[in-house]
Protein backbone atom coordinates (compact mmCIF):
# COMPACT_ATOMS: atom_id res chain seq x y z
CA MET A 1 118.28 155.34 64.58
CA SER A 2 116.81 155.41 61.10
CA ASN A 3 118.70 156.59 57.54
CA PRO A 4 117.13 160.16 56.50
CA GLY A 5 117.34 158.99 52.98
CA PRO A 6 119.11 160.83 50.10
CA ASN A 7 116.61 163.57 49.77
CA ILE A 8 117.85 164.96 52.92
CA LEU A 9 121.16 165.43 51.79
CA ALA A 10 120.17 167.15 48.37
CA GLU A 11 118.45 169.83 50.52
CA ARG A 12 121.32 170.61 52.67
CA THR A 13 123.33 170.92 49.49
CA ASP A 14 120.83 173.56 48.47
CA ARG A 15 121.29 176.14 51.66
CA ARG A 16 122.47 179.31 51.30
CA LYS A 17 125.93 179.95 52.51
CA LEU A 18 126.63 182.08 55.48
CA PRO A 19 128.68 185.27 54.00
CA ILE A 20 131.67 184.89 56.96
CA GLY A 21 134.09 187.44 56.21
CA ILE A 22 132.23 188.80 52.85
CA GLN A 23 132.12 192.82 53.23
CA THR A 24 130.81 193.74 49.55
CA PHE A 25 126.62 193.72 49.02
CA ARG A 26 127.14 192.79 45.50
CA GLU A 27 129.06 189.67 46.11
CA ILE A 28 126.49 188.64 49.02
CA ARG A 29 123.50 188.94 46.28
CA THR A 30 125.18 187.54 43.42
CA GLU A 31 126.62 184.73 45.04
CA ASN A 32 123.41 183.44 46.95
CA TYR A 33 124.71 184.21 50.38
CA TYR A 34 122.43 184.71 53.19
CA TYR A 35 121.13 188.35 53.62
CA VAL A 36 118.83 190.01 56.33
CA ASP A 37 116.79 192.54 54.42
CA LYS A 38 117.59 195.67 56.05
CA THR A 39 116.97 198.15 53.39
CA ALA A 40 113.66 199.38 55.01
CA TYR A 41 116.02 201.22 57.40
CA ILE A 42 117.99 202.71 54.53
CA ARG A 43 115.10 204.30 53.30
CA ARG A 44 114.02 205.87 56.62
CA MET A 45 117.65 206.85 57.13
CA ILE A 46 117.56 208.62 54.24
CA ASP A 47 114.39 210.19 54.46
CA GLU A 48 114.46 211.28 57.86
CA GLY A 49 118.15 211.52 58.76
CA LYS A 50 120.94 214.42 58.21
CA HIS A 51 123.98 213.03 60.05
CA TYR A 52 124.88 209.72 61.23
CA PHE A 53 127.75 208.43 63.02
CA LEU A 54 128.16 204.64 62.88
CA SER A 55 129.42 203.51 66.20
CA ARG A 56 129.32 199.72 66.46
CA PRO A 57 131.89 197.14 67.45
CA ARG A 58 134.15 195.38 65.01
CA ARG A 59 132.54 192.83 62.54
CA PHE A 60 129.01 194.36 63.03
CA GLY A 61 128.38 194.91 59.41
CA LYS A 62 129.74 198.61 58.92
CA SER A 63 131.70 197.92 55.82
CA LEU A 64 128.92 195.93 54.29
CA PHE A 65 126.35 198.59 55.29
CA LEU A 66 128.40 201.33 53.49
CA ASP A 67 128.75 199.09 50.74
CA THR A 68 124.84 198.47 50.29
CA LEU A 69 124.57 202.51 50.50
CA LYS A 70 126.84 203.02 47.49
CA GLU A 71 125.23 200.38 45.60
CA LEU A 72 121.93 201.90 45.90
CA PHE A 73 123.37 205.58 45.38
CA GLU A 74 125.07 204.10 42.31
CA GLY A 75 121.72 202.58 40.92
CA ASN A 76 122.50 199.10 40.52
CA GLU A 77 119.06 197.85 40.67
CA PRO A 78 119.39 194.33 39.85
CA LEU A 79 121.27 193.89 43.24
CA PHE A 80 117.76 194.98 45.13
CA GLU A 81 115.39 192.48 42.93
CA GLY A 82 113.32 191.17 45.99
CA LEU A 83 114.46 193.66 48.87
CA HIS A 84 112.25 196.19 50.70
CA ILE A 85 113.76 199.12 48.78
CA HIS A 86 113.42 198.07 45.26
CA ASP A 87 109.90 199.53 44.92
CA HIS A 88 110.89 202.46 47.06
CA TRP A 89 113.74 203.91 45.06
CA ASP A 90 113.78 205.88 41.71
CA TRP A 91 116.19 204.15 40.02
CA SER A 92 116.39 206.60 37.24
CA VAL A 93 118.47 208.60 39.16
CA ARG A 94 122.25 208.12 39.94
CA HIS A 95 124.28 209.72 42.53
CA PRO A 96 127.94 210.10 42.60
CA VAL A 97 129.80 208.19 45.50
């Protein structure tokens, strides 16, 4: 078996961490964890929906989703840079949460 060399090891240390047990959107975004951008769904829910019941199994991201909504409505724009909703949200308006 050949030695992969030192570059392979260096690449592995640059990988993002998995957000196991992390429930705050701010921590995921600021601490460089993996995050799957589902903010397009948030925008769609806000535009088209009225009432929602979040019925999902344990450990399915309900708390993280609600925390993401909180950060969005509070207008924390820097957390959403690079995500779909960043260019589709009026950041001048803040909503009490």
